[in-house]
């Protein structure tokens, strides 16, 4: 898990984060994680594969049925 340090955060912003965290019954750190996650990876984002499949259906050239492989990937061994 990565660690991020935010320097020079205005005190007013920190107080607002603490108040928002309290409203959501989370720690300030958990609230910051929640805000960042939703800012960069929103739940309603369209993923590239889904977008390409939709484009293919709209132009009616290709019908794509996608069965995504959701099995875990084994890390490479360099031994």
PDB file of N, CA and C in Angstrom:
ATOM      1  N   UNK A   1       0.850  -1.170   0.000  1.00  0.00           N
ATOM      2  CA  UNK A   1       0.000   0.000   0.000  1.00  0.00           C
ATOM      3  C   UNK A   1       0.892   1.228   0.000  1.00  0.00           C
ATOM      4  N   UNK A   2       0.569   2.192  -0.811  1.00  0.00           N
ATOM      5  CA  UNK A   2       1.358   3.411  -0.924  1.00  0.00           C
ATOM      6  C   UNK A   2       1.007   4.392   0.186  1.00  0.00           C
ATOM      7  N   UNK A   3       1.961   5.272   0.458  1.00  0.00           N
ATOM      8  CA  UNK A   3       1.772   6.323   1.452  1.00  0.00           C
ATOM      9  C   UNK A   3       1.977   7.658   0.756  1.00  0.00           C
ATOM     10  N   UNK A   4       1.087   8.611   1.019  1.00  0.00           N
ATOM     11  CA  UNK A   4       1.180   9.942   0.434  1.00  0.00           C
ATOM     12  C   UNK A   4       1.205  10.953   1.567  1.00  0.00           C
ATOM     13  N   UNK A   5       2.095  11.909   1.481  1.00  0.00           N
ATOM     14  CA  UNK A   5       2.161  12.993   2.454  1.00  0.00           C
ATOM     15  C   UNK A   5       1.734  14.274   1.766  1.00  0.00           C
ATOM     16  N   UNK A   6       0.823  14.996   2.392  1.00  0.00           N
ATOM     17  CA  UNK A   6       0.366  16.266   1.846  1.00  0.00           C
ATOM     18  C   UNK A   6       0.908  17.374   2.742  1.00  0.00           C
ATOM     19  N   UNK A   7       1.764  18.188   2.177  1.00  0.00           N
ATOM     20  CA  UNK A   7       2.352  19.288   2.937  1.00  0.00           C
ATOM     21  C   UNK A   7       1.595  20.587   2.656  1.00  0.00           C
ATOM     22  N   UNK A   8       1.706  21.500   3.602  1.00  0.00           N
ATOM     23  CA  UNK A   8       1.157  22.861   3.460  1.00  0.00           C
ATOM     24  C   UNK A   8      -0.348  22.876   3.226  1.00  0.00           C
ATOM     25  N   UNK A   9      -1.052  21.942   3.844  1.00  0.00           N
ATOM     26  CA  UNK A   9      -2.508  21.932   3.761  1.00  0.00           C
ATOM     27  C   UNK A   9      -3.036  23.037   4.674  1.00  0.00           C
ATOM     28  N   UNK A  10      -3.832  23.932   4.154  1.00  0.00           N
ATOM     29  CA  UNK A  10      -4.359  25.014   5.000  1.00  0.00           C
ATOM     30  C   UNK A  10      -5.147  24.448   6.187  1.00  0.00           C
ATOM     31  N   UNK A  11      -5.009  25.095   7.315  1.00  0.00           N
ATOM     32  CA  UNK A  11      -5.694  24.649   8.533  1.00  0.00           C
ATOM     33  C   UNK A  11      -7.202  24.600   8.330  1.00  0.00           C
ATOM     34  N   UNK A  12      -7.735  25.546   7.587  1.00  0.00           N
ATOM     35  CA  UNK A  12      -9.177  25.574   7.322  1.00  0.00           C
ATOM     36  C   UNK A  12      -9.609  24.327   6.548  1.00  0.00           C
ATOM     37  N   UNK A  13      -8.805  23.899   5.585  1.00  0.00           N
ATOM     38  CA  UNK A  13      -9.099  22.695   4.810  1.00  0.00           C
ATOM     39  C   UNK A  13      -9.044  21.466   5.709  1.00  0.00           C
ATOM     40  N   UNK A  14      -8.055  21.424   6.591  1.00  0.00           N
ATOM     41  CA  UNK A  14      -7.931  20.289   7.511  1.00  0.00           C
ATOM     42  C   UNK A  14      -9.142  20.212   8.441  1.00  0.00           C
ATOM     43  N   UNK A  15      -9.566  21.358   8.948  1.00  0.00           N
ATOM     44  CA  UNK A  15     -10.763  21.378   9.815  1.00  0.00           C
ATOM     45  C   UNK A  15     -11.991  20.901   9.042  1.00  0.00           C
ATOM     46  N   UNK A  16     -12.117  21.331   7.778  1.00  0.00           N
ATOM     47  CA  UNK A  16     -13.263  20.915   6.954  1.00  0.00           C
ATOM     48  C   UNK A  16     -13.238  19.412   6.709  1.00  0.00           C
ATOM     49  N   UNK A  17     -12.040  18.864   6.466  1.00  0.00           N
ATOM     50  CA  UNK A  17     -11.912  17.413   6.278  1.00  0.00           C
ATOM     51  C   UNK A  17     -12.312  16.661   7.546  1.00  0.00           C
ATOM     52  N   UNK A  18     -11.867  17.157   8.688  1.00  0.00           N
ATOM     53  CA  UNK A  18     -12.213  16.510   9.963  1.00  0.00           C
ATOM     54  C   UNK A  18     -13.723  16.543  10.191  1.00  0.00           C
ATOM     55  N   UNK A  19     -14.359  17.681   9.878  1.00  0.00           N
ATOM     56  CA  UNK A  19     -15.809  17.798  10.053  1.00  0.00           C
ATOM     57  C   UNK A  19     -16.554  16.857   9.111  1.00  0.00           C
ATOM     58  N   UNK A  20     -16.095  16.790   7.855  1.00  0.00           N
ATOM     59  CA  UNK A  20     -16.722  15.899   6.880  1.00  0.00           C
ATOM     60  C   UNK A  20     -16.567  14.442   7.310  1.00  0.00           C
ATOM     61  N   UNK A  21     -15.395  14.087   7.803  1.00  0.00           N
ATOM     62  CA  UNK A  21     -15.147  12.720   8.275  1.00  0.00           C
ATOM     63  C   UNK A  21     -16.088  12.378   9.422  1.00  0.00           C
ATOM     64  N   UNK A  22     -16.248  13.309  10.337  1.00  0.00           N
ATOM     65  CA  UNK A  22     -17.147  13.070  11.474  1.00  0.00           C
ATOM     66  C   UNK A  22     -18.585  12.859  11.005  1.00  0.00           C
ATOM     67  N   UNK A  23     -19.010  13.618   9.999  1.00  0.00           N
ATOM     68  CA  UNK A  23     -20.367  13.452   9.447  1.00  0.00           C
ATOM     69  C   UNK A  23     -20.580  12.058   8.870  1.00  0.00           C
ATOM     70  N   UNK A  24     -19.512  11.487   8.296  1.00  0.00           N
ATOM     71  CA  UNK A  24     -19.613  10.162   7.673  1.00  0.00           C
ATOM     72  C   UNK A  24     -19.140   9.037   8.595  1.00  0.00           C
ATOM     73  N   UNK A  25     -18.893   9.365   9.856  1.00  0.00           N
ATOM     74  CA  UNK A  25     -18.465   8.375  10.854  1.00  0.00           C
ATOM     75  C   UNK A  25     -17.189   7.654  10.417  1.00  0.00           C
ATOM     76  N   UNK A  26     -16.231   8.430   9.902  1.00  0.00           N
ATOM     77  CA  UNK A  26     -14.939   7.889   9.481  1.00  0.00           C
ATOM     78  C   UNK A  26     -13.834   8.711  10.122  1.00  0.00           C
ATOM     79  N   UNK A  27     -12.653   8.142  10.139  1.00  0.00           N
ATOM     80  CA  UNK A  27     -11.484   8.913  10.555  1.00  0.00           C
ATOM     81  C   UNK A  27     -11.159   9.905   9.442  1.00  0.00           C
ATOM     82  N   UNK A  28     -10.375  10.915   9.778  1.00  0.00           N
ATOM     83  CA  UNK A  28      -9.966  11.887   8.761  1.00  0.00           C
ATOM     84  C   UNK A  28      -9.184  11.188   7.658  1.00  0.00           C
ATOM     85  N   UNK A  29      -8.311  10.280   8.035  1.00  0.00           N
ATOM     86  CA  UNK A  29      -7.521   9.544   7.043  1.00  0.00           C
ATOM     87  C   UNK A  29      -8.415   8.721   6.116  1.00  0.00           C
ATOM     88  N   UNK A  30      -9.410   8.041   6.676  1.00  0.00           N
ATOM     89  CA  UNK A  30     -10.334   7.250   5.863  1.00  0.00           C
ATOM     90  C   UNK A  30     -11.151   8.149   4.937  1.00  0.00           C
ATOM     91  N   UNK A  31     -11.517   9.318   5.415  1.00  0.00           N
ATOM     92  CA  UNK A  31     -12.281  10.257   4.587  1.00  0.00           C
ATOM     93  C   UNK A  31     -11.440  10.744   3.412  1.00  0.00           C
ATOM     94  N   UNK A  32     -10.170  11.037   3.656  1.00  0.00           N
ATOM     95  CA  UNK A  32      -9.278  11.471   2.585  1.00  0.00           C
ATOM     96  C   UNK A  32      -9.123  10.357   1.553  1.00  0.00           C
ATOM     97  N   UNK A  33      -8.961   9.100   2.020  1.00  0.00           N
ATOM     98  CA  UNK A  33      -8.878   7.972   1.078  1.00  0.00           C
ATOM     99  C   UNK A  33     -10.138   7.882   0.232  1.00  0.00           C
ATOM    100  N   UNK A  34     -11.288   8.026   0.866  1.00  0.00           N
ATOM    101  CA  UNK A  34     -12.571   7.952   0.171  1.00  0.00           C
ATOM    102  C   UNK A  34     -12.677   9.042  -0.893  1.00  0.00           C
ATOM    103  N   UNK A  35     -12.316  10.269  -0.542  1.00  0.00           N
ATOM    104  CA  UNK A  35     -12.378  11.396  -1.480  1.00  0.00           C
ATOM    105  C   UNK A  35     -11.454  11.156  -2.669  1.00  0.00           C
ATOM    106  N   UNK A  36     -10.217  10.746  -2.385  1.00  0.00           N
ATOM    107  CA  UNK A  36      -9.257  10.513  -3.464  1.00  0.00           C
ATOM    108  C   UNK A  36      -9.705   9.377  -4.384  1.00  0.00           C
ATOM    109  N   UNK A  37     -10.166   8.288  -3.802  1.00  0.00           N
ATOM    110  CA  UNK A  37     -10.607   7.138  -4.603  1.00  0.00           C
ATOM    111  C   UNK A  37     -11.746   7.536  -5.535  1.00  0.00           C
ATOM    112  N   UNK A  38     -12.707   8.276  -5.028  1.00  0.00           N
ATOM    113  CA  UNK A  38     -13.848   8.684  -5.851  1.00  0.00           C
ATOM    114  C   UNK A  38     -13.474   9.742  -6.873  1.00  0.00           C
ATOM    115  N   UNK A  39     -12.450  10.518  -6.592  1.00  0.00           N
ATOM    116  CA  UNK A  39     -12.016  11.546  -7.544  1.00  0.00           C
ATOM    117  C   UNK A  39     -11.308  10.926  -8.739  1.00  0.00           C
ATOM    118  N   UNK A  40     -10.479   9.924  -8.502  1.00  0.00           N
ATOM    119  CA  UNK A  40      -9.684   9.376  -9.603  1.00  0.00           C
ATOM    120  C   UNK A  40     -10.252   8.086 -10.176  1.00  0.00           C
ATOM    121  N   UNK A  41     -11.129   7.413  -9.446  1.00  0.00           N
ATOM    122  CA  UNK A  41     -11.745   6.178  -9.937  1.00  0.00           C
ATOM    123  C   UNK A  41     -13.232   6.168  -9.606  1.00  0.00           C
ATOM    124  N   UNK A  42     -14.001   7.058 -10.248  1.00  0.00           N
ATOM    125  CA  UNK A  42     -15.428   7.118  -9.940  1.00  0.00           C
ATOM    126  C   UNK A  42     -16.143   5.814 -10.289  1.00  0.00           C
ATOM    127  N   UNK A  43     -17.166   5.493  -9.540  1.00  0.00           N
ATOM    128  CA  UNK A  43     -17.910   4.246  -9.729  1.00  0.00           C
ATOM    129  C   UNK A  43     -18.592   4.184 -11.097  1.00  0.00           C
ATOM    130  N   UNK A  44     -19.000   5.327 -11.628  1.00  0.00           N
ATOM    131  CA  UNK A  44     -19.739   5.329 -12.882  1.00  0.00           C
ATOM    132  C   UNK A  44     -18.853   5.528 -14.110  1.00  0.00           C
ATOM    133  N   UNK A  45     -17.538   5.355 -13.937  1.00  0.00           N
ATOM    134  CA  UNK A  45     -16.645   5.530 -15.081  1.00  0.00           C
ATOM    135  C   UNK A  45     -16.852   4.398 -16.089  1.00  0.00           C
ATOM    136  N   UNK A  46     -16.635   4.715 -17.346  1.00  0.00           N
ATOM    137  CA  UNK A  46     -16.755   3.714 -18.395  1.00  0.00           C
ATOM    138  C   UNK A  46     -15.361   3.184 -18.686  1.00  0.00           C
ATOM    139  N   UNK A  47     -15.200   1.889 -18.607  1.00  0.00           N
ATOM    140  CA  UNK A  47     -13.901   1.276 -18.855  1.00  0.00           C
ATOM    141  C   UNK A  47     -13.700   1.098 -20.354  1.00  0.00           C
ATOM    142  N   UNK A  48     -12.458   1.100 -20.780  1.00  0.00           N
ATOM    143  CA  UNK A  48     -12.113   1.089 -22.199  1.00  0.00           C
ATOM    144  C   UNK A  48     -12.725  -0.100 -22.942  1.00  0.00           C
ATOM    145  N   UNK A  49     -12.626  -1.306 -22.386  1.00  0.00           N
ATOM    146  CA  UNK A  49     -13.178  -2.486 -23.056  1.00  0.00           C
ATOM    147  C   UNK A  49     -14.677  -2.377 -23.269  1.00  0.00           C
ATOM    148  N   UNK A  50     -15.380  -1.900 -22.258  1.00  0.00           N
ATOM    149  CA  UNK A  50     -16.827  -1.724 -22.364  1.00  0.00           C
ATOM    150  C   UNK A  50     -17.170  -0.656 -23.388  1.00  0.00           C
ATOM    151  N   UNK A  51     -16.392   0.414 -23.414  1.00  0.00           N
ATOM    152  CA  UNK A  51     -16.619   1.480 -24.383  1.00  0.00           C
ATOM    153  C   UNK A  51     -16.409   0.984 -25.813  1.00  0.00           C
ATOM    154  N   UNK A  52     -15.345   0.241 -26.045  1.00  0.00           N
ATOM    155  CA  UNK A  52     -15.084  -0.290 -27.385  1.00  0.00           C
ATOM    156  C   UNK A  52     -16.171  -1.267 -27.826  1.00  0.00           C
ATOM    157  N   UNK A  53     -16.635  -2.113 -26.918  1.00  0.00           N
ATOM    158  CA  UNK A  53     -17.705  -3.048 -27.252  1.00  0.00           C
ATOM    159  C   UNK A  53     -18.987  -2.299 -27.602  1.00  0.00           C
ATOM    160  N   UNK A  54     -19.290  -1.246 -26.856  1.00  0.00           N
ATOM    161  CA  UNK A  54     -20.482  -0.443 -27.131  1.00  0.00           C
ATOM    162  C   UNK A  54     -20.378   0.245 -28.491  1.00  0.00           C
ATOM    163  N   UNK A  55     -19.205   0.769 -28.809  1.00  0.00           N
ATOM    164  CA  UNK A  55     -19.004   1.396 -30.120  1.00  0.00           C
ATOM    165  C   UNK A  55     -19.235   0.375 -31.230  1.00  0.00           C
ATOM    166  N   UNK A  56     -18.710  -0.840 -31.056  1.00  0.00           N
ATOM    167  CA  UNK A  56     -18.917  -1.899 -32.046  1.00  0.00           C
ATOM    168  C   UNK A  56     -20.383  -2.226 -32.237  1.00  0.00           C
ATOM    169  N   UNK A  57     -21.147  -2.268 -31.154  1.00  0.00           N
ATOM    170  CA  UNK A  57     -22.587  -2.545 -31.260  1.00  0.00           C
ATOM    171  C   UNK A  57     -23.323  -1.402 -31.951  1.00  0.00           C
ATOM    172  N   UNK A  58     -22.915  -0.161 -31.658  1.00  0.00           N
ATOM    173  CA  UNK A  58     -23.587   0.997 -32.247  1.00  0.00           C
ATOM    174  C   UNK A  58     -23.390   1.068 -33.757  1.00  0.00           C
ATOM    175  N   UNK A  59     -22.209   0.739 -34.240  1.00  0.00           N
ATOM    176  CA  UNK A  59     -21.965   0.817 -35.675  1.00  0.00           C
ATOM    177  C   UNK A  59     -22.388  -0.458 -36.383  1.00  0.00           C
ATOM    178  N   UNK A  60     -22.790  -1.468 -35.633  1.00  0.00           N
ATOM    179  CA  UNK A  60     -23.340  -2.720 -36.139  1.00  0.00           C
ATOM    180  C   UNK A  60     -22.406  -3.486 -37.065  1.00  0.00           C
ATOM    181  N   UNK A  61     -21.110  -3.281 -36.935  1.00  0.00           N
ATOM    182  CA  UNK A  61     -20.161  -4.058 -37.722  1.00  0.00           C
ATOM    183  C   UNK A  61     -19.825  -5.377 -37.030  1.00  0.00           C
ATOM    184  N   UNK A  62     -19.698  -5.319 -35.741  1.00  0.00           N
ATOM    185  CA  UNK A  62     -19.233  -6.483 -34.998  1.00  0.00           C
ATOM    186  C   UNK A  62     -20.065  -6.630 -33.735  1.00  0.00           C
ATOM    187  N   UNK A  63     -20.477  -7.829 -33.458  1.00  0.00           N
ATOM    188  CA  UNK A  63     -21.139  -8.123 -32.195  1.00  0.00           C
ATOM    189  C   UNK A  63     -20.110  -8.783 -31.287  1.00  0.00           C
ATOM    190  N   UNK A  64     -19.822  -8.144 -30.185  1.00  0.00           N
ATOM    191  CA  UNK A  64     -18.782  -8.643 -29.276  1.00  0.00           C
ATOM    192  C   UNK A  64     -19.430  -9.119 -27.987  1.00  0.00           C
ATOM    193  N   UNK A  65     -19.191 -10.349 -27.661  1.00  0.00           N
ATOM    194  CA  UNK A  65     -19.579 -10.879 -26.356  1.00  0.00           C
ATOM    195  C   UNK A  65     -18.298 -11.050 -25.556  1.00  0.00           C
ATOM    196  N   UNK A  66     -18.244 -10.425 -24.415  1.00  0.00           N
ATOM    197  CA  UNK A  66     -17.017 -10.442 -23.619  1.00  0.00           C
ATOM    198  C   UNK A  66     -17.233 -11.273 -22.361  1.00  0.00           C
ATOM    199  N   UNK A  67     -16.438 -12.310 -22.234  1.00  0.00           N
ATOM    200  CA  UNK A  67     -16.371 -13.069 -20.991  1.00  0.00           C
ATOM    201  C   UNK A  67     -14.992 -12.802 -20.409  1.00  0.00           C
ATOM    202  N   UNK A  68     -14.943 -11.914 -19.456  1.00  0.00           N
ATOM    203  CA  UNK A  68     -13.659 -11.529 -18.881  1.00  0.00           C
ATOM    204  C   UNK A  68     -13.164 -12.610 -17.940  1.00  0.00           C
ATOM    205  N   UNK A  69     -11.881 -12.912 -18.070  1.00  0.00           N
ATOM    206  CA  UNK A  69     -11.236 -13.865 -17.183  1.00  0.00           C
ATOM    207  C   UNK A  69     -10.913 -13.156 -15.877  1.00  0.00           C
ATOM    208  N   UNK A  70     -11.554 -13.561 -14.796  1.00  0.00           N
ATOM    209  CA  UNK A  70     -11.375 -12.892 -13.514  1.00  0.00           C
ATOM    210  C   UNK A  70     -10.498 -13.690 -12.556  1.00  0.00           C
ATOM    211  N   UNK A  71      -9.782 -14.684 -13.092  1.00  0.00           N
ATOM    212  CA  UNK A  71      -8.899 -15.450 -12.224  1.00  0.00           C
ATOM    213  C   UNK A  71      -7.689 -14.611 -11.856  1.00  0.00           C
ATOM    214  N   UNK A  72      -7.143 -14.871 -10.695  1.00  0.00           N
ATOM    215  CA  UNK A  72      -5.976 -14.122 -10.215  1.00  0.00           C
ATOM    216  C   UNK A  72      -4.765 -14.424 -11.091  1.00  0.00           C
ATOM    217  N   UNK A  73      -3.948 -13.429 -11.295  1.00  0.00           N
ATOM    218  CA  UNK A  73      -2.743 -13.586 -12.086  1.00  0.00           C
ATOM    219  C   UNK A  73      -1.598 -13.974 -11.168  1.00  0.00           C
ATOM    220  N   UNK A  74      -0.888 -15.015 -11.555  1.00  0.00           N
ATOM    221  CA  UNK A  74       0.272 -15.444 -10.785  1.00  0.00           C
ATOM    222  C   UNK A  74       1.468 -14.569 -11.141  1.00  0.00           C
ATOM    223  N   UNK A  75       2.212 -14.108 -10.146  1.00  0.00           N
ATOM    224  CA  UNK A  75       3.380 -13.286 -10.443  1.00  0.00           C
ATOM    225  C   UNK A  75       4.468 -14.108 -11.118  1.00  0.00           C
ATOM    226  N   UNK A  76       5.270 -13.436 -11.942  1.00  0.00           N
ATOM    227  CA  UNK A  76       6.376 -14.104 -12.618  1.00  0.00           C
ATOM    228  C   UNK A  76       7.444 -14.523 -11.614  1.00  0.00           C
ATOM    229  N   UNK A  77       8.089 -15.615 -11.919  1.00  0.00           N
ATOM    230  CA  UNK A  77       9.201 -16.063 -11.107  1.00  0.00           C
ATOM    231  C   UNK A  77      10.461 -15.962 -11.968  1.00  0.00           C
ATOM    232  N   UNK A  78      11.469 -15.291 -11.454  1.00  0.00           N
ATOM    233  CA  UNK A  78      12.702 -15.105 -12.204  1.00  0.00           C
ATOM    234  C   UNK A  78      13.807 -16.039 -11.732  1.00  0.00           C
ATOM    235  N   UNK A  79      13.414 -17.118 -11.126  1.00  0.00           N
ATOM    236  CA  UNK A  79      14.403 -18.080 -10.619  1.00  0.00           C
ATOM    237  C   UNK A  79      14.721 -19.122 -11.648  1.00  0.00           C
TER     238      UNK A  79
END
